[in-house]
Protein backbone atom coordinates (compact mmCIF):
# COMPACT_ATOMS: atom_id res chain seq x y z
CA MET A 1 16.62 2.65 -8.52
CA SER A 2 19.68 3.49 -8.88
CA GLY A 3 20.51 6.22 -6.45
CA LYS A 4 17.70 5.35 -4.41
CA ASN A 5 17.86 4.73 -0.65
CA LEU A 6 16.95 0.61 -0.89
CA SER A 7 17.07 1.05 3.83
CA ILE A 8 14.13 3.15 2.87
CA VAL A 9 12.17 0.34 0.08
CA LEU A 10 12.57 -2.36 2.63
CA LEU A 11 10.36 -0.68 5.83
CA TYR A 12 7.60 -0.33 3.04
CA ASP A 13 7.73 -3.60 2.64
CA ILE A 14 7.71 -3.97 6.84
CA TYR A 15 5.87 -1.31 6.76
CA SER A 16 3.32 -0.69 3.78
CA ASN A 17 0.18 -1.25 4.89
CA LEU A 18 0.90 1.34 8.50
CA LEU A 19 0.78 3.85 4.92
CA SER A 20 -1.70 6.49 3.08
CA GLU A 21 -3.57 5.69 -0.19
CA LYS A 22 -1.44 8.68 -1.26
CA GLU A 23 1.60 8.15 0.72
CA LYS A 24 1.73 4.18 -1.20
CA GLU A 25 0.85 5.70 -4.11
CA SER A 26 3.71 8.54 -4.44
CA PHE A 27 6.17 6.04 -3.04
CA GLU A 28 5.62 3.03 -5.48
CA TYR A 29 5.54 5.14 -8.21
CA TYR A 30 9.27 7.45 -7.28
CA TYR A 31 10.70 4.06 -5.74
CA PHE A 32 9.06 1.73 -7.43
CA ASP A 33 7.82 2.88 -10.91
CA ASP A 34 10.72 5.63 -10.97
CA LEU A 35 9.34 7.93 -12.03
CA SER A 36 9.52 11.21 -11.89
CA LEU A 37 8.09 13.97 -8.70
CA SER A 38 6.58 15.33 -12.30
CA GLU A 39 5.46 12.02 -13.95
CA ILE A 40 3.66 11.31 -10.70
CA ALA A 41 1.67 15.14 -10.24
CA GLU A 42 0.50 14.43 -13.39
CA ILE A 43 -0.01 11.06 -12.29
CA MET A 44 -1.81 12.52 -8.61
CA LYS A 45 -3.58 15.76 -9.84
CA THR A 46 -1.48 17.36 -7.76
CA SER A 47 1.93 19.78 -7.69
CA ARG A 48 5.28 18.51 -7.73
CA GLN A 49 5.83 19.80 -4.85
CA GLY A 50 2.28 17.63 -2.79
CA ALA A 51 4.06 14.57 -5.14
CA ARG A 52 7.48 14.73 -3.33
CA ASP A 53 5.60 16.20 0.30
CA ASN A 54 3.55 12.30 -0.14
CA ILE A 55 7.20 11.08 -0.14
CA VAL A 56 9.14 12.65 1.43
CA ARG A 57 6.24 12.43 5.25
CA ALA A 58 6.21 8.13 3.78
CA GLU A 59 10.28 8.15 4.35
CA LYS A 60 9.83 9.71 7.52
CA SER A 61 6.61 7.55 8.13
CA LEU A 62 8.49 4.25 7.60
CA LEU A 63 11.81 5.52 9.71
CA ASN A 64 9.37 6.54 12.34
CA TYR A 65 7.49 3.20 13.03
CA GLU A 66 11.43 1.56 12.17
CA GLU A 67 12.89 3.76 15.39
CA LYS A 68 9.26 2.33 17.85
CA LEU A 69 8.84 -0.77 16.22
CA GLY A 70 12.50 -2.14 15.57
CA VAL A 71 10.88 -5.27 13.61
CA LYS A 72 13.74 -4.95 10.51
CA GLN A 73 16.81 -5.00 13.08
CA LYS A 74 15.17 -8.13 14.79
CA PHE A 75 14.82 -9.67 11.85
CA ASP A 76 19.19 -8.14 10.98
CA ASP A 77 19.57 -9.72 14.61
CA ALA A 78 18.60 -12.56 13.11
CA GLU A 79 19.63 -12.54 10.16
CA SER A 80 22.79 -12.80 11.98
CA SER A 81 22.78 -14.87 14.95
CA ILE A 82 22.20 -17.38 11.93
CA SER A 83 24.93 -16.96 9.91
CA LYS A 84 27.02 -17.04 13.40
CA ALA A 85 25.18 -20.00 14.79
CA ILE A 86 25.51 -22.06 10.77
CA GLU A 87 29.18 -21.28 9.99
CA SER A 88 29.26 -22.80 14.57
CA VAL A 89 28.03 -25.78 12.86
CA ARG A 90 30.19 -25.80 10.17
CA ASN A 91 32.90 -25.50 12.57
CA GLY A 92 31.38 -28.89 13.99
CA ASP A 93 30.54 -27.06 17.40
CA CYS A 94 27.06 -27.35 17.66
CA SER A 95 26.26 -26.38 21.23
CA SER A 96 27.35 -23.21 19.98
CA ALA A 97 24.88 -23.44 17.67
CA GLU A 98 22.42 -24.62 19.64
CA LYS A 99 23.20 -21.68 21.84
CA ILE A 100 22.69 -19.25 19.73
CA LEU A 101 19.38 -20.63 17.34
CA GLU A 102 18.19 -20.38 21.91
CA ASN A 103 18.60 -16.61 22.82
CA ILE A 104 16.42 -15.70 18.53
CA ARG A 105 13.59 -18.59 19.06
CA LEU A 106 10.54 -15.93 19.08
C-alpha cells in the first residue's frame, strides 16, 4: 500500500458497510491487494475507467461519511484524551485523569 492514503483505509474500516458491493470490491483490490486499475478492470469485467470511478466514488463517500458523522474524529479525540489521562496518572495527578476520563465517557 505504499504511497496510498492510510487515513482513507481507516475510514474504510469504519464505514465500508455503507458502500456498494462494487465500490467495496474495487477499493479492496486497489488498497488491500495492491492491484492496478487494469487488473481490477479485468477481474471485475469493466473498463479501467470504470474501476477507477468505483474507487474514487468509494473514497469520496468515505470522506463524506466522516465529514457528516465524525466517527474517526471522535475516536481520535478519545484516544488523545486517554493518552493525557495516562500521563496525568503517571505524574500522580489522578484528579486530572479522572476529569479527563469523565469527559470522554460514552
